[in-house]
Amino acid sequence: MNIIKPGRGVGNTTRAIDAAIQEFFNTGNVTYIDPSPTENAQRFGFERLLNRLNFEHRLTEDYLIIDRVAGVVKKK
């Protein structure tokens, strides 16, 4: 199922982050790929993913292995 919708401001990044969080809890690791092809969008989306893991699930860098360059989060 394709979760990407055309246009801006339609929730693509939010759905990508939701899917990444679900994959993280199912597998213990995730590589985040933002629907927008720009490097800034990738970096912004990855930081939003980390913030959601911290604020909603209390997972900090103490419990995670984070590779910001590759966009990868793993459980320690």
Protein backbone atom coordinates (compact mmCIF):
# COMPACT_ATOMS: atom_id res chain seq x y z
CA MET A 1 0.00 0.00 0.00
CA ASN A 2 1.39 3.40 -1.00
CA ILE A 3 1.09 5.96 1.79
CA ILE A 4 2.48 8.90 -0.23
CA LYS A 5 -0.01 11.51 -1.50
CA PRO A 6 0.85 14.18 -4.08
CA GLY A 7 1.33 17.76 -2.93
CA ARG A 8 2.71 19.61 0.05
CA GLY A 9 1.22 19.75 3.51
CA VAL A 10 -0.77 16.55 3.12
CA GLY A 11 0.88 14.59 5.95
CA ASN A 12 3.46 12.55 4.04
CA THR A 13 6.25 13.11 6.57
CA THR A 14 3.94 12.34 9.49
CA ARG A 15 2.82 9.07 7.89
CA ALA A 16 6.44 8.15 7.09
CA ILE A 17 7.42 8.80 10.72
CA ASP A 18 4.45 6.76 11.99
CA ALA A 19 5.45 3.86 9.72
CA ALA A 20 9.09 4.14 10.84
CA ILE A 21 8.10 4.02 14.53
CA GLN A 22 5.94 0.96 13.89
CA GLU A 23 8.83 -0.74 12.06
CA PHE A 24 11.22 0.17 14.89
CA PHE A 25 9.00 -1.50 17.49
CA ASN A 26 8.43 -4.55 15.27
CA THR A 27 12.07 -5.15 14.29
CA GLY A 28 14.27 -3.19 16.71
CA ASN A 29 15.76 -1.01 14.00
CA VAL A 30 14.67 1.33 11.25
CA THR A 31 16.16 3.33 8.39
CA TYR A 32 14.14 6.52 7.93
CA ILE A 33 13.54 7.69 4.37
CA ASP A 34 11.55 10.90 3.95
CA PRO A 35 9.07 11.10 1.06
CA SER A 36 10.59 14.42 -0.03
CA PRO A 37 13.79 14.05 -2.09
CA THR A 38 15.67 16.91 -0.39
CA GLU A 39 18.46 16.47 2.14
CA ASN A 40 16.93 19.05 4.48
CA ALA A 41 13.61 17.19 4.52
CA GLN A 42 15.43 13.93 5.31
CA ARG A 43 17.32 15.54 8.20
CA PHE A 44 14.18 17.31 9.52
CA GLY A 45 12.08 14.15 9.33
CA PHE A 46 14.74 12.06 11.06
CA GLU A 47 14.99 14.55 13.91
CA ARG A 48 11.18 14.50 14.22
CA LEU A 49 11.35 10.70 14.42
CA LEU A 50 13.91 10.91 17.24
CA ASN A 51 11.80 13.53 19.05
CA ARG A 52 8.70 11.33 18.83
CA LEU A 53 10.62 8.32 20.16
CA ASN A 54 11.80 10.48 23.06
CA PHE A 55 8.58 12.33 23.92
CA GLU A 56 6.01 9.61 23.26
CA HIS A 57 7.98 6.49 24.18
CA ARG A 58 10.72 7.85 26.49
CA LEU A 59 13.49 6.39 24.34
CA THR A 60 16.60 8.54 24.55
CA GLU A 61 20.11 8.13 23.20
CA ASP A 62 20.85 6.04 26.31
CA TYR A 63 18.68 3.26 24.84
CA LEU A 64 19.35 3.78 21.12
CA ILE A 65 22.14 3.56 18.59
CA ILE A 66 21.64 6.54 16.26
CA ASP A 67 23.34 7.13 12.90
CA ARG A 68 22.18 10.56 11.75
CA VAL A 69 24.09 10.39 8.47
CA ALA A 70 22.43 7.16 7.34
CA GLY A 71 19.12 7.86 9.11
CA VAL A 72 19.28 4.66 11.16
CA VAL A 73 17.95 4.00 14.68
CA LYS A 74 18.58 0.70 16.50
CA LYS A 75 17.90 -0.62 19.97
CA LYS A 76 21.02 -1.08 22.09
